[in-house]
């Protein structure tokens, strides 16, 4: 059993280390992929645990104290990262600082009743082991009532002691705190170094997307992908473009010119160039 769990832990560690959360345009896709991966690994462990028996109480304690929380906490963390980034405001650094700060406060407030000022929280932080049989063996605490916090996953009492999920919550919030603090720091630097202010886009979103695709396809901005270019436009003009790929496919089936905005730009520039200098 130890070999099986070690294999999964190594796979999860390797996958986690490969995830880069610095680039905003890649975060959402990366977290979605990681969430699916972690669900799969937890389900695999669950099947294994339910079909086998631990060799000893010490083995069971080790699994629910050291093995499962390391993976479950990552699942909780990446679900939060996905949620925080999918709803993050675009473009305004000050808004981002407020948004990240508020999000972390809400998470902390929600989790407070589960472990803050709680004897279990003190127990885990102190490194004690004297109550491990109570906290990390299944069916030892018959007074636990699960109240349905959606943060928790796999609340099947054949696959949890409840406290392993609380421990996962603690680890996840600590990791989330570090992540959000780094994002706040980046947002503050962005605000301090901002050199583009007061620019507004007066045309349609589809016109902006047409321009973005033209820049991308022409390789005018090399070594960059379409989403990264779109994010730059969103930040500069404080605008949310939505599904740019859907707009692009609609462009293909325009009945008149498929490059309406680029045609307008060309005509406007040619008209201006044709004017006599005053």
C-alpha atoms as a PDB file:
ATOM      1  CA  UNK A   1       0.000   0.000   0.000  1.00  0.00           C
ATOM      2  CA  UNK A   2       2.859   2.369   0.820  1.00  0.00           C
ATOM      3  CA  UNK A   3       4.361   1.890  -2.651  1.00  0.00           C
ATOM      4  CA  UNK A   4       1.037   2.729  -4.307  1.00  0.00           C
ATOM      5  CA  UNK A   5       0.598   5.936  -2.304  1.00  0.00           C
ATOM      6  CA  UNK A   6       4.209   7.017  -2.778  1.00  0.00           C
ATOM      7  CA  UNK A   7       3.799   6.634  -6.533  1.00  0.00           C
ATOM      8  CA  UNK A   8       0.736   8.907  -6.497  1.00  0.00           C
ATOM      9  CA  UNK A   9       2.430  11.453  -4.226  1.00  0.00           C
ATOM     10  CA  UNK A  10       5.401  11.640  -6.593  1.00  0.00           C
ATOM     11  CA  UNK A  11       3.123  12.078  -9.610  1.00  0.00           C
ATOM     12  CA  UNK A  12       1.205  14.847  -7.859  1.00  0.00           C
ATOM     13  CA  UNK A  13       4.386  16.590  -6.725  1.00  0.00           C
ATOM     14  CA  UNK A  14       5.826  16.499 -10.239  1.00  0.00           C
ATOM     15  CA  UNK A  15       2.584  17.811 -11.756  1.00  0.00           C
ATOM     16  CA  UNK A  16       2.262  20.565  -9.154  1.00  0.00           C
ATOM     17  CA  UNK A  17       5.819  21.743  -9.756  1.00  0.00           C
ATOM     18  CA  UNK A  18       5.161  21.939 -13.485  1.00  0.00           C
ATOM     19  CA  UNK A  19       2.252  24.351 -13.036  1.00  0.00           C
ATOM     20  CA  UNK A  20       3.215  27.983 -13.600  1.00  0.00           C
ATOM     21  CA  UNK A  21       0.850  30.484 -11.978  1.00  0.00           C
ATOM     22  CA  UNK A  22       2.679  33.688 -12.906  1.00  0.00           C
ATOM     23  CA  UNK A  23       1.110  34.162 -16.328  1.00  0.00           C
ATOM     24  CA  UNK A  24      -2.537  35.213 -16.054  1.00  0.00           C
ATOM     25  CA  UNK A  25      -3.543  33.905 -19.462  1.00  0.00           C
ATOM     26  CA  UNK A  26      -2.335  30.387 -18.567  1.00  0.00           C
ATOM     27  CA  UNK A  27      -3.651  30.169 -14.999  1.00  0.00           C
ATOM     28  CA  UNK A  28      -7.249  29.220 -15.764  1.00  0.00           C
ATOM     29  CA  UNK A  29      -6.368  26.435 -18.202  1.00  0.00           C
ATOM     30  CA  UNK A  30      -3.621  25.130 -15.920  1.00  0.00           C
ATOM     31  CA  UNK A  31      -5.846  25.053 -12.831  1.00  0.00           C
ATOM     32  CA  UNK A  32      -8.673  23.298 -14.690  1.00  0.00           C
ATOM     33  CA  UNK A  33      -6.229  20.634 -15.813  1.00  0.00           C
ATOM     34  CA  UNK A  34      -4.785  20.276 -12.318  1.00  0.00           C
ATOM     35  CA  UNK A  35      -8.220  19.999 -10.674  1.00  0.00           C
ATOM     36  CA  UNK A  36      -9.187  17.133 -12.996  1.00  0.00           C
ATOM     37  CA  UNK A  37      -5.835  15.450 -12.357  1.00  0.00           C
ATOM     38  CA  UNK A  38      -6.204  15.692  -8.561  1.00  0.00           C
ATOM     39  CA  UNK A  39      -9.773  14.392  -8.621  1.00  0.00           C
ATOM     40  CA  UNK A  40      -8.537  11.408 -10.576  1.00  0.00           C
ATOM     41  CA  UNK A  41      -5.740  10.697  -8.079  1.00  0.00           C
ATOM     42  CA  UNK A  42      -8.024  11.038  -5.060  1.00  0.00           C
ATOM     43  CA  UNK A  43     -10.588   8.742  -6.647  1.00  0.00           C
ATOM     44  CA  UNK A  44      -7.840   6.237  -7.365  1.00  0.00           C
ATOM     45  CA  UNK A  45      -6.690   6.352  -3.737  1.00  0.00           C
ATOM     46  CA  UNK A  46     -10.269   6.051  -2.523  1.00  0.00           C
ATOM     47  CA  UNK A  47     -10.854   2.904  -4.561  1.00  0.00           C
ATOM     48  CA  UNK A  48      -7.615   1.454  -3.264  1.00  0.00           C
ATOM     49  CA  UNK A  49      -8.380   2.231   0.385  1.00  0.00           C
ATOM     50  CA  UNK A  50     -11.930   0.836   0.192  1.00  0.00           C
ATOM     51  CA  UNK A  51     -10.782  -2.360  -1.484  1.00  0.00           C
ATOM     52  CA  UNK A  52      -7.822  -2.982   0.833  1.00  0.00           C
ATOM     53  CA  UNK A  53      -7.027  -2.859   4.515  1.00  0.00           C
ATOM     54  CA  UNK A  54      -4.373  -0.889   6.306  1.00  0.00           C
ATOM     55  CA  UNK A  55      -1.716  -3.105   7.870  1.00  0.00           C
ATOM     56  CA  UNK A  56      -1.952  -1.293  11.202  1.00  0.00           C
ATOM     57  CA  UNK A  57      -3.534   1.724  12.918  1.00  0.00           C
ATOM     58  CA  UNK A  58      -0.232   3.539  12.429  1.00  0.00           C
ATOM     59  CA  UNK A  59      -0.502   3.040   8.656  1.00  0.00           C
ATOM     60  CA  UNK A  60      -4.039   4.402   8.665  1.00  0.00           C
ATOM     61  CA  UNK A  61      -2.994   7.419  10.742  1.00  0.00           C
ATOM     62  CA  UNK A  62      -0.099   8.100   8.372  1.00  0.00           C
ATOM     63  CA  UNK A  63      -2.411   7.991   5.363  1.00  0.00           C
ATOM     64  CA  UNK A  64      -5.038  10.359   6.797  1.00  0.00           C
ATOM     65  CA  UNK A  65      -2.500  12.692   8.401  1.00  0.00           C
ATOM     66  CA  UNK A  66       0.280  12.831   5.814  1.00  0.00           C
ATOM     67  CA  UNK A  67      -0.788  11.345   2.487  1.00  0.00           C
ATOM     68  CA  UNK A  68      -4.364  12.341   1.715  1.00  0.00           C
ATOM     69  CA  UNK A  69      -4.143  15.942   3.060  1.00  0.00           C
ATOM     70  CA  UNK A  70      -1.156  16.640   0.811  1.00  0.00           C
ATOM     71  CA  UNK A  71      -3.312  15.910  -2.231  1.00  0.00           C
ATOM     72  CA  UNK A  72      -6.706  17.075  -0.980  1.00  0.00           C
ATOM     73  CA  UNK A  73      -5.248  20.425   0.100  1.00  0.00           C
ATOM     74  CA  UNK A  74      -3.918  20.958  -3.428  1.00  0.00           C
ATOM     75  CA  UNK A  75      -7.369  20.257  -4.844  1.00  0.00           C
ATOM     76  CA  UNK A  76      -8.928  22.858  -2.525  1.00  0.00           C
ATOM     77  CA  UNK A  77      -6.140  25.324  -3.354  1.00  0.00           C
ATOM     78  CA  UNK A  78      -6.455  24.968  -7.138  1.00  0.00           C
ATOM     79  CA  UNK A  79     -10.258  25.214  -6.962  1.00  0.00           C
ATOM     80  CA  UNK A  80      -9.807  28.541  -5.135  1.00  0.00           C
ATOM     81  CA  UNK A  81      -7.213  29.755  -7.646  1.00  0.00           C
ATOM     82  CA  UNK A  82      -9.541  28.897 -10.524  1.00  0.00           C
ATOM     83  CA  UNK A  83     -12.435  30.694  -8.822  1.00  0.00           C
ATOM     84  CA  UNK A  84     -10.411  33.770  -7.881  1.00  0.00           C
ATOM     85  CA  UNK A  85      -8.919  34.162 -11.371  1.00  0.00           C
ATOM     86  CA  UNK A  86     -12.058  33.449 -13.391  1.00  0.00           C
ATOM     87  CA  UNK A  87     -13.852  36.312 -11.593  1.00  0.00           C
ATOM     88  CA  UNK A  88     -10.894  38.698 -11.290  1.00  0.00           C
ATOM     89  CA  UNK A  89     -11.481  42.219 -12.667  1.00  0.00           C
ATOM     90  CA  UNK A  90      -9.518  43.074 -15.787  1.00  0.00           C
ATOM     91  CA  UNK A  91      -7.196  45.997 -16.322  1.00  0.00           C
ATOM     92  CA  UNK A  92      -7.179  48.021 -13.140  1.00  0.00           C
ATOM     93  CA  UNK A  93      -4.320  47.243 -10.755  1.00  0.00           C
ATOM     94  CA  UNK A  94      -5.951  48.965  -7.783  1.00  0.00           C
ATOM     95  CA  UNK A  95      -9.136  46.961  -8.331  1.00  0.00           C
ATOM     96  CA  UNK A  96      -7.076  43.780  -8.353  1.00  0.00           C
ATOM     97  CA  UNK A  97      -5.429  44.601  -5.028  1.00  0.00           C
ATOM     98  CA  UNK A  98      -8.842  45.199  -3.420  1.00  0.00           C
ATOM     99  CA  UNK A  99     -10.305  42.111  -5.081  1.00  0.00           C
ATOM    100  CA  UNK A 100      -7.534  39.731  -3.984  1.00  0.00           C
ATOM    101  CA  UNK A 101      -7.571  41.110  -0.447  1.00  0.00           C
ATOM    102  CA  UNK A 102     -11.356  40.774  -0.151  1.00  0.00           C
ATOM    103  CA  UNK A 103     -11.294  37.242  -1.545  1.00  0.00           C
ATOM    104  CA  UNK A 104      -8.746  36.051   0.991  1.00  0.00           C
ATOM    105  CA  UNK A 105     -10.669  37.672   3.845  1.00  0.00           C
ATOM    106  CA  UNK A 106     -13.868  35.916   2.761  1.00  0.00           C
ATOM    107  CA  UNK A 107     -12.124  32.555   2.575  1.00  0.00           C
ATOM    108  CA  UNK A 108     -10.531  33.036   5.991  1.00  0.00           C
ATOM    109  CA  UNK A 109     -13.846  34.100   7.518  1.00  0.00           C
ATOM    110  CA  UNK A 110     -15.604  31.087   6.014  1.00  0.00           C
ATOM    111  CA  UNK A 111     -12.950  28.710   7.346  1.00  0.00           C
ATOM    112  CA  UNK A 112     -12.728  30.312  10.788  1.00  0.00           C
ATOM    113  CA  UNK A 113     -15.436  28.214  12.403  1.00  0.00           C
ATOM    114  CA  UNK A 114     -13.673  25.023  11.312  1.00  0.00           C
ATOM    115  CA  UNK A 115     -10.298  25.571  12.866  1.00  0.00           C
ATOM    116  CA  UNK A 116      -9.445  29.071  14.082  1.00  0.00           C
ATOM    117  CA  UNK A 117      -9.225  29.182  17.892  1.00  0.00           C
ATOM    118  CA  UNK A 118      -9.822  25.460  17.719  1.00  0.00           C
ATOM    119  CA  UNK A 119      -7.991  22.806  19.701  1.00  0.00           C
ATOM    120  CA  UNK A 120      -7.354  20.769  16.536  1.00  0.00           C
ATOM    121  CA  UNK A 121      -5.693  23.750  14.850  1.00  0.00           C
ATOM    122  CA  UNK A 122      -3.434  24.205  17.898  1.00  0.00           C
ATOM    123  CA  UNK A 123      -2.743  20.475  17.830  1.00  0.00           C
ATOM    124  CA  UNK A 124      -1.597  20.401  14.202  1.00  0.00           C
ATOM    125  CA  UNK A 125       0.518  23.555  14.467  1.00  0.00           C
ATOM    126  CA  UNK A 126       2.316  22.291  17.576  1.00  0.00           C
ATOM    127  CA  UNK A 127       3.321  19.019  15.917  1.00  0.00           C
ATOM    128  CA  UNK A 128       1.682  16.870  18.579  1.00  0.00           C
ATOM    129  CA  UNK A 129       0.905  13.189  18.008  1.00  0.00           C
ATOM    130  CA  UNK A 130      -0.766  12.114  21.260  1.00  0.00           C
ATOM    131  CA  UNK A 131      -4.319  12.409  19.851  1.00  0.00           C
ATOM    132  CA  UNK A 132      -3.616  11.020  16.392  1.00  0.00           C
ATOM    133  CA  UNK A 133      -5.830   8.003  17.066  1.00  0.00           C
ATOM    134  CA  UNK A 134      -8.771  10.315  17.748  1.00  0.00           C
ATOM    135  CA  UNK A 135      -8.193  12.601  14.767  1.00  0.00           C
ATOM    136  CA  UNK A 136      -6.832  10.290  12.091  1.00  0.00           C
ATOM    137  CA  UNK A 137      -8.535   6.933  12.531  1.00  0.00           C
ATOM    138  CA  UNK A 138     -11.943   6.470  10.955  1.00  0.00           C
ATOM    139  CA  UNK A 139     -15.053   6.247  13.154  1.00  0.00           C
ATOM    140  CA  UNK A 140     -13.198   7.332  16.285  1.00  0.00           C
ATOM    141  CA  UNK A 141     -15.088  10.568  16.847  1.00  0.00           C
ATOM    142  CA  UNK A 142     -18.811   9.810  16.789  1.00  0.00           C
ATOM    143  CA  UNK A 143     -19.702  13.370  17.798  1.00  0.00           C
ATOM    144  CA  UNK A 144     -18.566  14.919  14.502  1.00  0.00           C
ATOM    145  CA  UNK A 145     -21.438  16.375  12.497  1.00  0.00           C
ATOM    146  CA  UNK A 146     -20.635  17.351   8.930  1.00  0.00           C
ATOM    147  CA  UNK A 147     -22.449  20.586   8.076  1.00  0.00           C
ATOM    148  CA  UNK A 148     -21.875  20.542   4.327  1.00  0.00           C
ATOM    149  CA  UNK A 149     -19.130  23.071   3.625  1.00  0.00           C
ATOM    150  CA  UNK A 150     -18.681  22.917  -0.147  1.00  0.00           C
ATOM    151  CA  UNK A 151     -14.926  23.370   0.274  1.00  0.00           C
ATOM    152  CA  UNK A 152     -14.683  19.814   1.527  1.00  0.00           C
ATOM    153  CA  UNK A 153     -14.481  16.979  -0.955  1.00  0.00           C
ATOM    154  CA  UNK A 154     -14.729  13.236  -0.466  1.00  0.00           C
ATOM    155  CA  UNK A 155     -16.751  13.446   2.738  1.00  0.00           C
ATOM    156  CA  UNK A 156     -17.395   9.730   2.641  1.00  0.00           C
ATOM    157  CA  UNK A 157     -16.707   8.476   6.127  1.00  0.00           C
ATOM    158  CA  UNK A 158     -15.182   5.330   4.701  1.00  0.00           C
ATOM    159  CA  UNK A 159     -12.558   7.587   3.136  1.00  0.00           C
ATOM    160  CA  UNK A 160     -12.193  10.336   5.721  1.00  0.00           C
ATOM    161  CA  UNK A 161     -11.836  10.912   9.441  1.00  0.00           C
ATOM    162  CA  UNK A 162     -13.302  14.405   8.917  1.00  0.00           C
ATOM    163  CA  UNK A 163     -10.206  15.868  10.556  1.00  0.00           C
ATOM    164  CA  UNK A 164      -8.052  14.954   7.574  1.00  0.00           C
ATOM    165  CA  UNK A 165     -10.344  17.267   5.565  1.00  0.00           C
ATOM    166  CA  UNK A 166      -9.967  20.024   8.149  1.00  0.00           C
ATOM    167  CA  UNK A 167      -6.201  19.586   7.960  1.00  0.00           C
ATOM    168  CA  UNK A 168      -6.426  19.817   4.158  1.00  0.00           C
ATOM    169  CA  UNK A 169      -8.357  23.059   4.587  1.00  0.00           C
ATOM    170  CA  UNK A 170      -5.649  24.500   6.831  1.00  0.00           C
ATOM    171  CA  UNK A 171      -2.847  23.582   4.419  1.00  0.00           C
ATOM    172  CA  UNK A 172      -4.828  24.887   1.437  1.00  0.00           C
ATOM    173  CA  UNK A 173      -5.529  28.259   3.051  1.00  0.00           C
ATOM    174  CA  UNK A 174      -1.865  28.718   3.930  1.00  0.00           C
ATOM    175  CA  UNK A 175      -0.939  28.003   0.307  1.00  0.00           C
ATOM    176  CA  UNK A 176      -3.723  30.265  -0.954  1.00  0.00           C
ATOM    177  CA  UNK A 177      -2.538  33.065   1.340  1.00  0.00           C
ATOM    178  CA  UNK A 178       0.960  32.892  -0.151  1.00  0.00           C
ATOM    179  CA  UNK A 179      -0.464  32.857  -3.679  1.00  0.00           C
ATOM    180  CA  UNK A 180      -2.752  35.853  -3.124  1.00  0.00           C
ATOM    181  CA  UNK A 181      -0.063  37.838  -1.320  1.00  0.00           C
ATOM    182  CA  UNK A 182       2.185  37.355  -4.359  1.00  0.00           C
ATOM    183  CA  UNK A 183      -0.629  38.494  -6.677  1.00  0.00           C
ATOM    184  CA  UNK A 184      -1.251  41.570  -4.505  1.00  0.00           C
ATOM    185  CA  UNK A 185       2.457  42.391  -4.648  1.00  0.00           C
ATOM    186  CA  UNK A 186       2.481  42.096  -8.454  1.00  0.00           C
ATOM    187  CA  UNK A 187      -0.678  44.230  -8.721  1.00  0.00           C
ATOM    188  CA  UNK A 188       0.863  46.944  -6.541  1.00  0.00           C
ATOM    189  CA  UNK A 189       3.985  46.998  -8.715  1.00  0.00           C
ATOM    190  CA  UNK A 190       1.782  47.154 -11.788  1.00  0.00           C
ATOM    191  CA  UNK A 191      -0.031  50.150 -10.327  1.00  0.00           C
ATOM    192  CA  UNK A 192       3.202  51.910  -9.368  1.00  0.00           C
ATOM    193  CA  UNK A 193       4.771  51.362 -12.793  1.00  0.00           C
ATOM    194  CA  UNK A 194       1.689  52.010 -14.858  1.00  0.00           C
ATOM    195  CA  UNK A 195       2.454  54.289 -17.809  1.00  0.00           C
ATOM    196  CA  UNK A 196      -0.840  54.040 -19.705  1.00  0.00           C
ATOM    197  CA  UNK A 197      -3.784  55.865 -18.164  1.00  0.00           C
ATOM    198  CA  UNK A 198      -7.083  57.224 -19.351  1.00  0.00           C
ATOM    199  CA  UNK A 199      -7.181  55.277 -22.630  1.00  0.00           C
ATOM    200  CA  UNK A 200     -10.656  54.246 -23.757  1.00  0.00           C
ATOM    201  CA  UNK A 201     -11.710  52.000 -26.624  1.00  0.00           C
ATOM    202  CA  UNK A 202     -14.506  53.683 -28.581  1.00  0.00           C
ATOM    203  CA  UNK A 203     -15.160  50.904 -31.085  1.00  0.00           C
ATOM    204  CA  UNK A 204     -16.792  47.494 -30.628  1.00  0.00           C
ATOM    205  CA  UNK A 205     -15.253  44.483 -28.882  1.00  0.00           C
ATOM    206  CA  UNK A 206     -15.398  42.527 -32.148  1.00  0.00           C
ATOM    207  CA  UNK A 207     -13.296  45.261 -33.779  1.00  0.00           C
ATOM    208  CA  UNK A 208     -10.673  44.899 -31.072  1.00  0.00           C
ATOM    209  CA  UNK A 209     -10.674  41.113 -31.499  1.00  0.00           C
ATOM    210  CA  UNK A 210     -10.257  41.526 -35.265  1.00  0.00           C
ATOM    211  CA  UNK A 211      -7.181  43.688 -34.641  1.00  0.00           C
ATOM    212  CA  UNK A 212      -5.804  41.229 -32.076  1.00  0.00           C
ATOM    213  CA  UNK A 213      -6.103  38.312 -34.495  1.00  0.00           C
ATOM    214  CA  UNK A 214      -4.459  40.347 -37.254  1.00  0.00           C
ATOM    215  CA  UNK A 215      -1.488  41.099 -34.987  1.00  0.00           C
ATOM    216  CA  UNK A 216      -1.239  37.469 -33.931  1.00  0.00           C
ATOM    217  CA  UNK A 217      -1.607  35.835 -37.348  1.00  0.00           C
ATOM    218  CA  UNK A 218       0.816  38.297 -38.968  1.00  0.00           C
ATOM    219  CA  UNK A 219       3.347  37.486 -36.231  1.00  0.00           C
ATOM    220  CA  UNK A 220       3.687  41.205 -35.551  1.00  0.00           C
ATOM    221  CA  UNK A 221       4.157  40.256 -31.884  1.00  0.00           C
ATOM    222  CA  UNK A 222       6.437  37.203 -32.070  1.00  0.00           C
ATOM    223  CA  UNK A 223       6.721  34.578 -29.341  1.00  0.00           C
ATOM    224  CA  UNK A 224       3.273  35.353 -28.004  1.00  0.00           C
ATOM    225  CA  UNK A 225      -0.079  33.571 -28.130  1.00  0.00           C
ATOM    226  CA  UNK A 226      -3.488  34.997 -28.916  1.00  0.00           C
ATOM    227  CA  UNK A 227      -4.683  34.927 -25.308  1.00  0.00           C
ATOM    228  CA  UNK A 228      -1.644  36.848 -24.091  1.00  0.00           C
ATOM    229  CA  UNK A 229      -2.167  39.598 -26.661  1.00  0.00           C
ATOM    230  CA  UNK A 230      -5.862  39.763 -25.745  1.00  0.00           C
ATOM    231  CA  UNK A 231      -4.981  40.106 -22.055  1.00  0.00           C
ATOM    232  CA  UNK A 232      -2.733  43.071 -22.817  1.00  0.00           C
ATOM    233  CA  UNK A 233      -5.585  44.814 -24.648  1.00  0.00           C
ATOM    234  CA  UNK A 234      -7.986  43.991 -21.801  1.00  0.00           C
ATOM    235  CA  UNK A 235      -5.637  45.496 -19.211  1.00  0.00           C
ATOM    236  CA  UNK A 236      -4.763  48.606 -21.210  1.00  0.00           C
ATOM    237  CA  UNK A 237      -8.372  49.461 -22.037  1.00  0.00           C
ATOM    238  CA  UNK A 238      -9.973  47.963 -18.907  1.00  0.00           C
ATOM    239  CA  UNK A 239     -12.313  45.815 -20.978  1.00  0.00           C
ATOM    240  CA  UNK A 240     -13.484  42.188 -20.810  1.00  0.00           C
ATOM    241  CA  UNK A 241     -13.442  40.569 -24.252  1.00  0.00           C
ATOM    242  CA  UNK A 242     -15.050  37.253 -23.341  1.00  0.00           C
ATOM    243  CA  UNK A 243     -14.817  34.342 -25.785  1.00  0.00           C
ATOM    244  CA  UNK A 244     -12.544  35.753 -28.502  1.00  0.00           C
ATOM    245  CA  UNK A 245     -12.504  32.462 -30.424  1.00  0.00           C
ATOM    246  CA  UNK A 246     -16.283  32.552 -30.850  1.00  0.00           C
ATOM    247  CA  UNK A 247     -16.053  36.102 -32.235  1.00  0.00           C
ATOM    248  CA  UNK A 248     -13.293  35.016 -34.614  1.00  0.00           C
ATOM    249  CA  UNK A 249     -15.434  32.212 -36.023  1.00  0.00           C
ATOM    250  CA  UNK A 250     -18.320  34.651 -36.520  1.00  0.00           C
ATOM    251  CA  UNK A 251     -15.962  36.825 -38.571  1.00  0.00           C
ATOM    252  CA  UNK A 252     -15.477  33.954 -41.013  1.00  0.00           C
ATOM    253  CA  UNK A 253     -19.140  34.007 -41.971  1.00  0.00           C
ATOM    254  CA  UNK A 254     -19.670  37.740 -42.444  1.00  0.00           C
ATOM    255  CA  UNK A 255     -21.651  38.396 -45.610  1.00  0.00           C
ATOM    256  CA  UNK A 256     -19.767  41.562 -46.523  1.00  0.00           C
ATOM    257  CA  UNK A 257     -16.100  42.164 -45.739  1.00  0.00           C
ATOM    258  CA  UNK A 258     -14.661  39.759 -43.173  1.00  0.00           C
ATOM    259  CA  UNK A 259     -12.181  42.462 -42.094  1.00  0.00           C
ATOM    260  CA  UNK A 260     -14.532  45.381 -41.500  1.00  0.00           C
ATOM    261  CA  UNK A 261     -12.441  47.082 -38.835  1.00  0.00           C
ATOM    262  CA  UNK A 262      -9.118  46.647 -40.622  1.00  0.00           C
ATOM    263  CA  UNK A 263     -10.719  48.066 -43.762  1.00  0.00           C
ATOM    264  CA  UNK A 264     -11.914  51.084 -41.758  1.00  0.00           C
ATOM    265  CA  UNK A 265      -8.411  51.617 -40.361  1.00  0.00           C
ATOM    266  CA  UNK A 266      -6.872  51.404 -43.833  1.00  0.00           C
ATOM    267  CA  UNK A 267      -9.410  53.834 -45.319  1.00  0.00           C
ATOM    268  CA  UNK A 268      -9.051  56.293 -42.440  1.00  0.00           C
ATOM    269  CA  UNK A 269      -5.255  56.300 -42.725  1.00  0.00           C
ATOM    270  CA  UNK A 270      -5.274  56.636 -46.501  1.00  0.00           C
ATOM    271  CA  UNK A 271      -7.761  59.501 -46.267  1.00  0.00           C
ATOM    272  CA  UNK A 272      -5.591  61.265 -43.693  1.00  0.00           C
ATOM    273  CA  UNK A 273      -2.433  60.721 -45.762  1.00  0.00           C
ATOM    274  CA  UNK A 274      -4.216  62.193 -48.762  1.00  0.00           C
ATOM    275  CA  UNK A 275      -4.922  65.481 -47.044  1.00  0.00           C
ATOM    276  CA  UNK A 276      -2.654  68.380 -47.891  1.00  0.00           C
ATOM    277  CA  UNK A 277      -0.428  69.607 -45.117  1.00  0.00           C
ATOM    278  CA  UNK A 278      -1.672  72.902 -43.747  1.00  0.00           C
END
